[in-house]
């Protein structure tokens, strides 16, 4: 699996300075916080994103979920007046500084992320995945990082976050309700493994692409909306071929098929295939949209008890139905 590269949105200058001084990233006790924490793996690379500028390049060396994060944290908790909810930062990434830079996103090297930001209308997302080309570019920016890092001790009261399908089992921040964005991340993680991607392509009858040459990216923005997953050639030569993937938590609807058709049309003839992944498909829609590949996902025995992201990766199965 190739390391991925993400830009992590930071809400204010004070938090940015704390992230940089401690070489530490933190995500809130919300589903979006846990989503980001689940997406990013050890050995992946990240930069901080603030005020339309990218700050530094880091490699993730350790992930930890901190049990008493509301008391042990470099960042201040935030309470919203309207909802009364308090957010703090239990999900954390320990980072190794690699390069120092402070670059505007208007640079061509950040075009993949900048386009996503523009089409999404701002920074509402917690993080953005960039492609391998962007990682290669930032690996040449600025200079080697040589400043001292102030270690922050989060203590040893760590836990493993889990997901459940039962609302009565939810226990923030230790257990969250399983959602579509987590399913998308599971599938992206699964297909990031070369052997799994190779088997997947063979079952789909796609011979034009080689698993070793591909990358799979989350939430690619288009004027029509945003694609859940994009499988593309990491280093396209001559042609930039890709596969568009939509992921649905429940049973596929006609609207889901139509939306995917719109994405395929927007990508044009370099889009080799459109794939819809859902829990089930009606025979009527399978026949009506025969040009789209249909894949059923399953998570065996998930309903019995909450499971960690790692446990879910082990029980995820993708079955092509056409």
Protein backbone atom coordinates (compact mmCIF):
# COMPACT_ATOMS: atom_id res chain seq x y z
CA UNK A 1 0.00 0.00 0.00
CA UNK A 2 1.43 3.41 -0.98
CA UNK A 3 1.37 6.10 1.72
CA UNK A 4 -1.44 8.62 1.25
CA UNK A 5 -1.28 12.39 1.64
CA UNK A 6 -3.90 14.49 3.43
CA UNK A 7 -4.39 18.15 4.23
CA UNK A 8 -5.94 18.62 7.67
CA UNK A 9 -8.11 21.69 8.24
CA UNK A 10 -7.30 23.71 11.36
CA UNK A 11 -9.97 26.05 12.78
CA UNK A 12 -7.84 28.93 14.07
CA UNK A 13 -4.29 30.29 14.27
CA UNK A 14 -3.87 29.34 17.94
CA UNK A 15 -4.66 25.68 17.21
CA UNK A 16 -2.35 25.72 14.20
CA UNK A 17 0.54 26.98 16.33
CA UNK A 18 -0.13 24.27 18.92
CA UNK A 19 -0.22 21.57 16.23
CA UNK A 20 3.11 22.77 14.83
CA UNK A 21 4.89 23.26 18.18
CA UNK A 22 3.89 19.78 19.42
CA UNK A 23 3.94 18.00 16.01
CA UNK A 24 0.48 16.75 16.90
CA UNK A 25 -2.87 16.67 15.08
CA UNK A 26 -6.14 16.38 16.96
CA UNK A 27 -9.72 15.62 15.89
CA UNK A 28 -12.94 16.22 17.78
CA UNK A 29 -15.24 13.76 19.58
CA UNK A 30 -17.61 13.75 16.60
CA UNK A 31 -18.22 11.31 13.74
CA UNK A 32 -16.21 13.63 11.47
CA UNK A 33 -13.32 13.54 13.94
CA UNK A 34 -13.36 9.76 14.09
CA UNK A 35 -13.78 9.59 10.31
CA UNK A 36 -10.57 11.58 9.82
CA UNK A 37 -8.78 9.49 12.45
CA UNK A 38 -9.90 6.29 10.65
CA UNK A 39 -8.93 7.56 7.20
CA UNK A 40 -5.34 8.41 8.03
CA UNK A 41 -2.91 5.57 8.71
CA UNK A 42 0.49 5.40 10.33
CA UNK A 43 3.19 6.21 7.74
CA UNK A 44 0.78 8.43 5.76
CA UNK A 45 1.78 12.05 5.19
CA UNK A 46 -0.11 15.19 6.21
CA UNK A 47 0.08 18.97 6.00
CA UNK A 48 -1.97 21.47 7.99
CA UNK A 49 -4.44 23.63 6.08
CA UNK A 50 -5.29 27.09 7.39
CA UNK A 51 -6.32 30.35 5.68
CA UNK A 52 -5.90 28.82 2.20
CA UNK A 53 -2.28 27.93 2.91
CA UNK A 54 -0.55 24.57 3.43
CA UNK A 55 1.83 24.32 6.35
CA UNK A 56 4.72 21.84 6.53
CA UNK A 57 4.95 18.17 5.66
CA UNK A 58 4.73 15.48 8.35
CA UNK A 59 4.67 11.70 8.50
CA UNK A 60 2.27 10.01 10.91
CA UNK A 61 4.23 7.91 13.41
CA UNK A 62 1.51 6.99 15.91
CA UNK A 63 -2.27 7.12 16.31
CA UNK A 64 -3.94 7.30 19.71
CA UNK A 65 -7.44 7.80 21.11
CA UNK A 66 -7.11 9.52 24.50
CA UNK A 67 -9.64 8.61 27.19
CA UNK A 68 -9.45 11.80 29.27
CA UNK A 69 -8.80 14.16 26.36
CA UNK A 70 -11.14 16.82 27.76
CA UNK A 71 -8.67 17.23 30.63
CA UNK A 72 -5.36 16.41 28.92
CA UNK A 73 -5.11 18.47 25.75
CA UNK A 74 -3.04 21.25 24.23
CA UNK A 75 -6.19 22.54 22.51
CA UNK A 76 -9.11 24.27 24.25
CA UNK A 77 -12.52 22.59 24.27
CA UNK A 78 -15.27 24.37 22.34
CA UNK A 79 -18.91 24.64 23.47
CA UNK A 80 -21.52 25.78 20.94
CA UNK A 81 -24.24 28.03 22.38
CA UNK A 82 -27.01 26.82 20.05
CA UNK A 83 -26.63 23.09 20.72
CA UNK A 84 -24.87 23.21 24.09
CA UNK A 85 -22.51 20.49 22.85
CA UNK A 86 -18.87 20.57 23.91
CA UNK A 87 -16.21 19.31 21.55
CA UNK A 88 -12.68 18.32 22.54
CA UNK A 89 -9.90 16.36 20.83
CA UNK A 90 -9.58 12.68 21.79
CA UNK A 91 -8.36 11.42 18.39
CA UNK A 92 -4.73 12.31 17.80
CA UNK A 93 -1.85 11.74 15.42
CA UNK A 94 1.74 11.98 16.57
CA UNK A 95 3.81 13.38 13.74
CA UNK A 96 7.38 13.43 12.52
CA UNK A 97 8.24 16.78 10.86
CA UNK A 98 9.75 16.26 7.41
CA UNK A 99 9.72 19.60 5.57
CA UNK A 100 9.01 23.19 6.54
CA UNK A 101 6.94 25.40 4.24
CA UNK A 102 4.04 27.85 4.21
CA UNK A 103 2.58 27.81 0.72
CA UNK A 104 -0.66 29.19 -0.79
CA UNK A 105 -3.11 26.70 -2.28
CA UNK A 106 -3.22 28.75 -5.49
CA UNK A 107 0.05 27.10 -6.53
CA UNK A 108 -0.41 24.64 -9.39
CA UNK A 109 1.08 21.91 -7.21
CA UNK A 110 -2.05 22.02 -5.02
CA UNK A 111 -4.55 22.06 -7.89
CA UNK A 112 -6.17 18.74 -6.93
CA UNK A 113 -7.00 19.94 -3.40
CA UNK A 114 -7.78 23.52 -4.45
CA UNK A 115 -10.37 22.30 -6.96
CA UNK A 116 -12.05 20.22 -4.27
CA UNK A 117 -12.13 23.23 -1.94
CA UNK A 118 -13.56 25.53 -4.61
CA UNK A 119 -16.29 23.15 -5.73
CA UNK A 120 -17.24 22.36 -2.14
CA UNK A 121 -17.47 26.04 -1.24
CA UNK A 122 -14.95 26.12 1.59
CA UNK A 123 -13.42 24.31 4.54
CA UNK A 124 -16.40 22.51 6.05
CA UNK A 125 -14.58 19.20 5.72
CA UNK A 126 -12.09 18.16 8.36
CA UNK A 127 -9.58 16.86 5.83
CA UNK A 128 -8.84 16.49 2.14
CA UNK A 129 -7.02 13.61 0.51
CA UNK A 130 -4.59 14.66 -2.21
CA UNK A 131 -3.14 12.47 -4.94
CA UNK A 132 0.34 11.00 -5.31
CA UNK A 133 1.38 13.82 -7.65
CA UNK A 134 0.66 16.39 -4.93
CA UNK A 135 2.71 14.36 -2.43
CA UNK A 136 5.62 14.26 -4.87
CA UNK A 137 5.37 18.03 -5.31
CA UNK A 138 5.29 18.91 -1.60
CA UNK A 139 8.22 16.58 -0.99
CA UNK A 140 10.30 19.16 -2.88
CA UNK A 141 8.88 22.33 -1.30
CA UNK A 142 10.52 24.49 1.34
CA UNK A 143 13.38 22.97 3.28
CA UNK A 144 14.11 20.08 5.64
CA UNK A 145 12.49 20.68 9.04
CA UNK A 146 15.09 21.39 11.73
CA UNK A 147 13.15 23.16 14.49
CA UNK A 148 12.72 21.61 17.92
CA UNK A 149 9.44 19.90 18.79
CA UNK A 150 7.87 20.26 22.23
CA UNK A 151 6.65 16.77 23.14
CA UNK A 152 3.13 16.64 24.59
CA UNK A 153 2.37 13.78 26.96
CA UNK A 154 -1.25 12.61 26.49
CA UNK A 155 -0.92 10.05 29.27
CA UNK A 156 -1.67 6.35 29.00
CA UNK A 157 -5.46 6.28 29.32
CA UNK A 158 -6.03 5.27 25.71
CA UNK A 159 -8.90 3.33 24.14
CA UNK A 160 -9.86 1.74 20.81
CA UNK A 161 -12.83 3.57 19.21
CA UNK A 162 -15.61 1.37 17.84
CA UNK A 163 -18.68 1.50 15.62
CA UNK A 164 -22.16 0.10 16.07
CA UNK A 165 -25.38 -0.23 14.07
CA UNK A 166 -27.51 0.14 17.22
CA UNK A 167 -28.28 3.63 18.50
CA UNK A 168 -28.65 2.41 22.08
CA UNK A 169 -25.01 1.25 22.04
CA UNK A 170 -23.61 4.70 21.12
CA UNK A 171 -21.19 6.04 23.77
CA UNK A 172 -19.31 9.14 22.58
CA UNK A 173 -16.34 9.17 22.04
CA UNK A 174 -15.77 5.42 22.44
CA UNK A 175 -18.62 4.06 20.29
CA UNK A 176 -20.15 5.83 17.28
CA UNK A 177 -23.02 4.94 14.98
CA UNK A 178 -21.77 3.33 11.78
CA UNK A 179 -22.31 5.72 8.86
CA UNK A 180 -21.87 5.98 5.11
CA UNK A 181 -18.62 7.96 5.33
CA UNK A 182 -17.09 5.23 7.49
CA UNK A 183 -18.22 2.61 4.96
CA UNK A 184 -16.56 4.64 2.19
CA UNK A 185 -13.34 4.72 4.19
CA UNK A 186 -13.52 0.97 4.83
CA UNK A 187 -13.87 0.26 1.11
CA UNK A 188 -11.08 2.71 0.19
CA UNK A 189 -8.83 1.06 2.75
CA UNK A 190 -9.70 -2.43 1.43
CA UNK A 191 -9.05 -1.52 -2.21
CA UNK A 192 -5.78 0.21 -1.32
CA UNK A 193 -4.23 -3.23 -0.92
CA UNK A 194 -2.79 -4.32 -4.27
CA UNK A 195 -4.01 -7.91 -4.04
CA UNK A 196 -7.57 -6.86 -3.19
CA UNK A 197 -7.61 -4.26 -5.96
CA UNK A 198 -6.23 -6.81 -8.45
CA UNK A 199 -8.92 -9.33 -7.56
CA UNK A 200 -11.61 -6.62 -7.72
CA UNK A 201 -10.53 -5.52 -11.23
CA UNK A 202 -10.41 -9.12 -12.45
CA UNK A 203 -13.95 -9.79 -11.22
CA UNK A 204 -15.14 -6.62 -12.98
CA UNK A 205 -13.42 -7.68 -16.20
CA UNK A 206 -11.25 -4.56 -16.32
CA UNK A 207 -7.97 -5.49 -18.00
CA UNK A 208 -6.75 -2.02 -19.02
CA UNK A 209 -5.52 -1.08 -15.53
CA UNK A 210 -2.87 -2.68 -13.33
CA UNK A 211 -3.41 -2.61 -9.57
CA UNK A 212 0.22 -1.64 -8.90
CA UNK A 213 -0.21 1.56 -10.91
CA UNK A 214 -3.40 2.78 -9.23
CA UNK A 215 -4.42 4.96 -6.32
CA UNK A 216 -7.87 5.25 -4.76
CA UNK A 217 -8.98 8.65 -3.54
CA UNK A 218 -11.87 9.68 -1.33
CA UNK A 219 -14.54 12.28 -2.19
CA UNK A 220 -13.49 13.86 -5.47
CA UNK A 221 -15.51 17.05 -6.10
CA UNK A 222 -17.16 17.79 -9.44
CA UNK A 223 -19.62 20.53 -10.52
CA UNK A 224 -22.29 17.80 -10.49
CA UNK A 225 -21.56 16.87 -6.87
CA UNK A 226 -18.87 14.71 -5.31
CA UNK A 227 -17.76 11.19 -6.15
CA UNK A 228 -17.39 8.96 -3.12
CA UNK A 229 -14.31 7.14 -4.43
CA UNK A 230 -12.12 7.64 -7.48
CA UNK A 231 -9.79 4.90 -8.71
CA UNK A 232 -7.18 6.44 -10.99
CA UNK A 233 -3.74 5.90 -12.42
CA UNK A 234 -1.21 7.41 -10.01
CA UNK A 235 1.11 8.39 -12.88
CA UNK A 236 -0.97 8.63 -16.08
CA UNK A 237 0.92 8.41 -19.35
CA UNK A 238 -0.89 9.44 -22.53
CA UNK A 239 -4.31 8.66 -21.08
CA UNK A 240 -5.69 9.46 -17.61
CA UNK A 241 -8.01 6.49 -17.09
CA UNK A 242 -10.20 6.15 -14.05
CA UNK A 243 -13.11 4.35 -12.40
CA UNK A 244 -15.90 6.18 -10.58
CA UNK A 245 -17.34 4.53 -7.44
CA UNK A 246 -20.47 5.49 -5.49
CA UNK A 247 -21.06 3.96 -2.04
CA UNK A 248 -24.47 3.68 -0.35
CA UNK A 249 -25.10 2.45 3.17
CA UNK A 250 -28.53 1.04 2.33
CA UNK A 251 -30.30 -0.35 -0.72
CA UNK A 252 -29.51 1.35 -4.04
CA UNK A 253 -32.15 3.70 -5.48
CA UNK A 254 -32.79 4.95 -9.01
CA UNK A 255 -31.49 8.37 -7.93
CA UNK A 256 -28.16 6.77 -6.96
CA UNK A 257 -27.80 5.20 -10.41
CA UNK A 258 -28.72 8.43 -12.18
CA UNK A 259 -26.24 10.44 -10.14
CA UNK A 260 -23.47 7.98 -11.00
CA UNK A 261 -24.38 8.21 -14.69
CA UNK A 262 -23.96 11.99 -14.47
CA UNK A 263 -20.49 11.60 -12.96
CA UNK A 264 -19.47 9.13 -15.68
CA UNK A 265 -20.67 11.55 -18.35
CA UNK A 266 -18.69 14.40 -16.80
CA UNK A 267 -15.45 12.37 -16.80
CA UNK A 268 -15.98 11.42 -20.43
CA UNK A 269 -14.40 8.61 -22.41
CA UNK A 270 -11.42 8.21 -20.04
CA UNK A 271 -13.83 6.82 -17.44
CA UNK A 272 -13.60 3.06 -17.92
CA UNK A 273 -16.37 2.05 -15.55
CA UNK A 274 -18.96 3.26 -13.08
CA UNK A 275 -19.48 1.13 -9.96
CA UNK A 276 -22.28 1.37 -7.41
CA UNK A 277 -21.69 -0.33 -4.05
CA UNK A 278 -24.72 -0.84 -1.79
CA UNK A 279 -26.27 -3.29 0.66
CA UNK A 280 -28.72 -4.57 -2.00
CA UNK A 281 -30.16 -3.95 -5.48
CA UNK A 282 -33.65 -4.48 -6.84
CA UNK A 283 -33.87 -6.71 -9.97
CA UNK A 284 -35.71 -3.91 -11.79
CA UNK A 285 -32.89 -1.38 -11.31
CA UNK A 286 -30.21 -3.97 -12.08
CA UNK A 287 -31.81 -4.52 -15.48
CA UNK A 288 -32.49 -0.84 -16.14
CA UNK A 289 -28.88 0.24 -15.47
CA UNK A 290 -27.04 -2.74 -16.95
CA UNK A 291 -24.05 -0.60 -17.99
CA UNK A 292 -23.18 0.14 -14.35
CA UNK A 293 -21.39 -2.49 -12.27
CA UNK A 294 -23.24 -3.38 -9.08
CA UNK A 295 -21.41 -4.56 -5.97
CA UNK A 296 -23.00 -5.72 -2.72
CA UNK A 297 -21.06 -5.09 0.47
CA UNK A 298 -21.51 -7.16 3.61
CA UNK A 299 -20.18 -7.03 7.19
CA UNK A 300 -20.80 -10.43 8.73
CA UNK A 301 -21.86 -10.48 12.41
CA UNK A 302 -21.49 -6.70 12.71
CA UNK A 303 -24.95 -6.39 14.32
CA UNK A 304 -23.94 -8.51 17.31
CA UNK A 305 -21.55 -6.08 19.01
CA UNK A 306 -19.55 -2.86 18.38
CA UNK A 307 -16.41 -3.34 16.31
CA UNK A 308 -13.24 -1.35 15.73
CA UNK A 309 -12.28 -0.08 12.28
CA UNK A 310 -9.59 -2.78 12.09
CA UNK A 311 -12.15 -5.48 12.93
CA UNK A 312 -14.49 -4.16 10.23
CA UNK A 313 -11.73 -4.32 7.62
CA UNK A 314 -11.39 -8.04 8.35
CA UNK A 315 -15.09 -8.83 7.81
CA UNK A 316 -15.81 -6.56 4.84
CA UNK A 317 -16.77 -8.46 1.69
CA UNK A 318 -17.52 -7.08 -1.77
CA UNK A 319 -19.56 -9.26 -4.12
CA UNK A 320 -20.11 -8.29 -7.76
CA UNK A 321 -23.69 -9.09 -8.74
CA UNK A 322 -23.73 -8.60 -12.53
